[in-house]
Amino acid sequence: MCRARIVTASAVLGIGCAVTTGGAALASPGAGVTPQTFVTATLSEEGQVNHDSVKFQTRAPTVVRMQRLTFAPGARTGWHHHPGVVVVAVESGSVTLTDTNCGSKTYGPGSPHGSVFVEGHDHAHEASSLNGATVYVTYVSPSQTFRLEDPPTSCGQ
């Protein structure tokens, strides 16, 4: 996988960017995803909570953003990954998360995989929705960067 990418200062999942390496443009634009940011705030101190089988830990100031993303039918985010941790809850419809190995899982109310997924790695992925969906996303990032663009893969292209 080509690791060329550019940093986007916001988590606007419906808009991709062009990545240029060696004169060739690698585009990973999304389409049909409308974000609405509710809040972006800084957790200014490190913290650790380990309670009732849930652990949350930061080692430095962290930025938290909460958004609603509305997927139109046929929408997709473009290939990307996130710094930190992202928790996505699917309120309605379904969202399919595809990885660079072309493996995919579909999430939504009534889905066998459930209606919540968590991201927290440097592996590129793309979210899409065949019939439309509404999701709520909480980003916990070490900086104001919430999304890193990745070049497209051959999955579904």
Protein backbone atom coordinates (compact mmCIF):
# COMPACT_ATOMS: atom_id res chain seq x y z
CA MET A 1 0.00 0.00 0.00
CA CYS A 2 1.27 3.44 -0.87
CA ARG A 3 1.60 5.44 2.35
CA ALA A 4 1.47 8.89 0.74
CA ARG A 5 -1.12 11.09 2.37
CA ILE A 6 -1.89 14.63 3.35
CA VAL A 7 -3.30 15.91 6.59
CA THR A 8 -6.75 17.46 6.72
CA ALA A 9 -7.40 19.76 9.65
CA SER A 10 -10.99 18.67 10.01
CA ALA A 11 -12.99 15.50 9.90
CA VAL A 12 -15.09 16.36 6.88
CA LEU A 13 -15.61 12.80 5.71
CA GLY A 14 -17.54 13.67 2.59
CA ILE A 15 -14.69 15.60 1.03
CA GLY A 16 -11.46 13.93 -0.03
CA CYS A 17 -8.18 15.37 -1.16
CA ALA A 18 -5.71 14.73 -3.93
CA VAL A 19 -2.39 13.23 -2.90
CA THR A 20 0.57 13.81 -5.15
CA THR A 21 3.68 11.65 -5.18
CA GLY A 22 6.26 11.64 -7.92
CA GLY A 23 4.09 13.70 -10.25
CA ALA A 24 1.12 11.29 -10.19
CA ALA A 25 -2.07 12.43 -8.51
CA LEU A 26 -3.79 9.87 -6.31
CA ALA A 27 -7.31 11.03 -5.47
CA SER A 28 -9.45 9.64 -2.68
CA PRO A 29 -12.48 11.91 -2.78
CA GLY A 30 -15.61 11.03 -0.92
CA ALA A 31 -19.08 11.90 -2.11
CA GLY A 32 -22.50 12.32 -0.55
CA VAL A 33 -21.54 12.61 3.13
CA THR A 34 -22.70 15.73 4.96
CA PRO A 35 -21.04 16.47 8.33
CA GLN A 36 -22.47 18.55 11.14
CA THR A 37 -20.03 19.33 13.95
CA PHE A 38 -21.65 19.70 17.35
CA VAL A 39 -18.56 20.47 19.41
CA THR A 40 -14.76 20.43 19.33
CA ALA A 41 -13.10 20.75 22.73
CA THR A 42 -9.74 20.10 24.37
CA LEU A 43 -9.29 17.69 27.25
CA SER A 44 -6.42 19.72 28.70
CA GLU A 45 -4.97 17.16 31.05
CA GLU A 46 -4.07 13.53 30.85
CA GLY A 47 -6.55 11.20 32.41
CA GLN A 48 -7.30 7.60 33.17
CA VAL A 49 -10.62 5.98 33.96
CA ASN A 50 -10.97 2.23 34.36
CA HIS A 51 -14.49 1.46 35.49
CA ASP A 52 -17.08 -1.27 34.81
CA SER A 53 -14.95 -3.06 32.16
CA VAL A 54 -14.28 0.15 30.20
CA LYS A 55 -10.86 1.80 30.07
CA PHE A 56 -10.11 5.30 28.78
CA GLN A 57 -6.64 6.77 29.01
CA THR A 58 -4.81 9.79 27.62
CA ARG A 59 -1.18 10.70 28.20
CA ALA A 60 -1.31 14.29 27.00
CA PRO A 61 -3.89 16.93 26.11
CA THR A 62 -6.41 15.51 23.68
CA VAL A 63 -8.95 17.02 21.30
CA VAL A 64 -12.49 15.63 21.21
CA ARG A 65 -14.92 16.28 18.36
CA MET A 66 -18.52 15.11 18.05
CA GLN A 67 -20.28 15.09 14.68
CA ARG A 68 -23.34 13.78 12.92
CA LEU A 69 -22.63 12.44 9.43
CA THR A 70 -25.49 12.00 7.00
CA PHE A 71 -24.81 9.54 4.17
CA ALA A 72 -26.93 9.99 1.04
CA PRO A 73 -27.78 6.78 -0.85
CA GLY A 74 -24.58 5.61 -2.56
CA ALA A 75 -22.35 7.89 -0.44
CA ARG A 76 -18.75 7.08 0.45
CA THR A 77 -16.07 8.75 2.54
CA GLY A 78 -12.99 8.16 0.39
CA TRP A 79 -9.98 6.23 1.70
CA HIS A 80 -8.62 7.57 4.98
CA HIS A 81 -7.62 6.76 8.55
CA HIS A 82 -7.72 8.64 11.84
CA PRO A 83 -5.18 9.52 14.50
CA GLY A 84 -6.32 8.55 17.98
CA VAL A 85 -9.61 6.70 18.45
CA VAL A 86 -12.97 7.10 16.71
CA VAL A 87 -16.29 5.66 17.93
CA VAL A 88 -19.10 5.53 15.35
CA ALA A 89 -22.74 4.80 16.29
CA VAL A 90 -25.12 4.15 13.39
CA GLU A 91 -28.52 5.65 14.21
CA SER A 92 -30.33 4.68 11.02
CA GLY A 93 -29.58 2.91 7.77
CA SER A 94 -26.38 0.94 7.37
CA VAL A 95 -22.72 1.72 6.79
CA THR A 96 -20.21 -0.67 5.25
CA LEU A 97 -16.60 -0.32 6.38
CA THR A 98 -14.11 -1.68 3.81
CA ASP A 99 -10.40 -2.20 4.51
CA THR A 100 -7.44 -2.28 2.12
CA ASN A 101 -7.64 -6.08 1.87
CA CYS A 102 -11.17 -5.62 0.48
CA GLY A 103 -12.69 -7.12 3.63
CA SER A 104 -15.86 -5.40 4.77
CA LYS A 105 -18.43 -5.38 7.56
CA THR A 106 -21.79 -3.66 7.56
CA TYR A 107 -23.07 -1.89 10.67
CA GLY A 108 -26.49 -0.55 11.54
CA PRO A 109 -29.57 -1.23 13.65
CA GLY A 110 -30.34 -4.95 13.36
CA SER A 111 -27.01 -5.77 11.68
CA PRO A 112 -25.23 -8.96 12.83
CA HIS A 113 -22.14 -6.78 13.46
CA GLY A 114 -24.15 -4.33 15.59
CA SER A 115 -24.61 -0.62 15.14
CA VAL A 116 -21.34 0.64 16.68
CA PHE A 117 -17.75 0.32 15.49
CA VAL A 118 -14.45 1.65 16.78
CA GLU A 119 -11.47 2.75 14.70
CA GLY A 120 -8.00 3.24 16.09
CA HIS A 121 -5.16 2.29 13.79
CA ASP A 122 -3.15 3.52 10.81
CA HIS A 123 -4.86 1.20 8.32
CA ALA A 124 -6.82 2.90 5.55
CA HIS A 125 -10.52 2.25 5.21
CA GLU A 126 -13.56 3.64 3.43
CA ALA A 127 -17.11 3.87 4.76
CA SER A 128 -20.03 3.72 2.35
CA SER A 129 -23.80 3.44 2.47
CA LEU A 130 -25.87 1.86 -0.26
CA ASN A 131 -29.25 3.21 0.90
CA GLY A 132 -28.22 6.12 3.13
CA ALA A 133 -27.50 6.36 6.86
CA THR A 134 -27.12 8.71 9.80
CA VAL A 135 -24.19 8.16 12.14
CA TYR A 136 -22.83 9.93 15.22
CA VAL A 137 -19.06 10.08 15.53
CA THR A 138 -16.81 10.86 18.49
CA TYR A 139 -13.17 11.53 17.63
CA VAL A 140 -10.49 11.50 20.35
CA SER A 141 -7.33 12.85 18.72
CA PRO A 142 -3.90 13.90 19.94
CA SER A 143 -4.25 17.10 17.87
CA GLN A 144 -6.70 19.16 15.79
CA THR A 145 -6.15 16.62 12.99
CA PHE A 146 -9.06 14.21 12.82
CA ARG A 147 -8.56 12.58 9.42
CA LEU A 148 -5.60 11.57 7.26
CA GLU A 149 -6.20 10.96 3.56
CA ASP A 150 -5.00 7.74 1.92
CA PRO A 151 -4.84 6.85 -1.77
CA PRO A 152 -7.66 4.72 -3.18
CA THR A 153 -7.31 0.95 -3.38
CA SER A 154 -8.59 -1.47 -5.98
CA CYS A 155 -11.52 -2.44 -3.70
CA GLY A 156 -14.69 -1.53 -5.52
CA GLN A 157 -12.93 0.88 -7.86
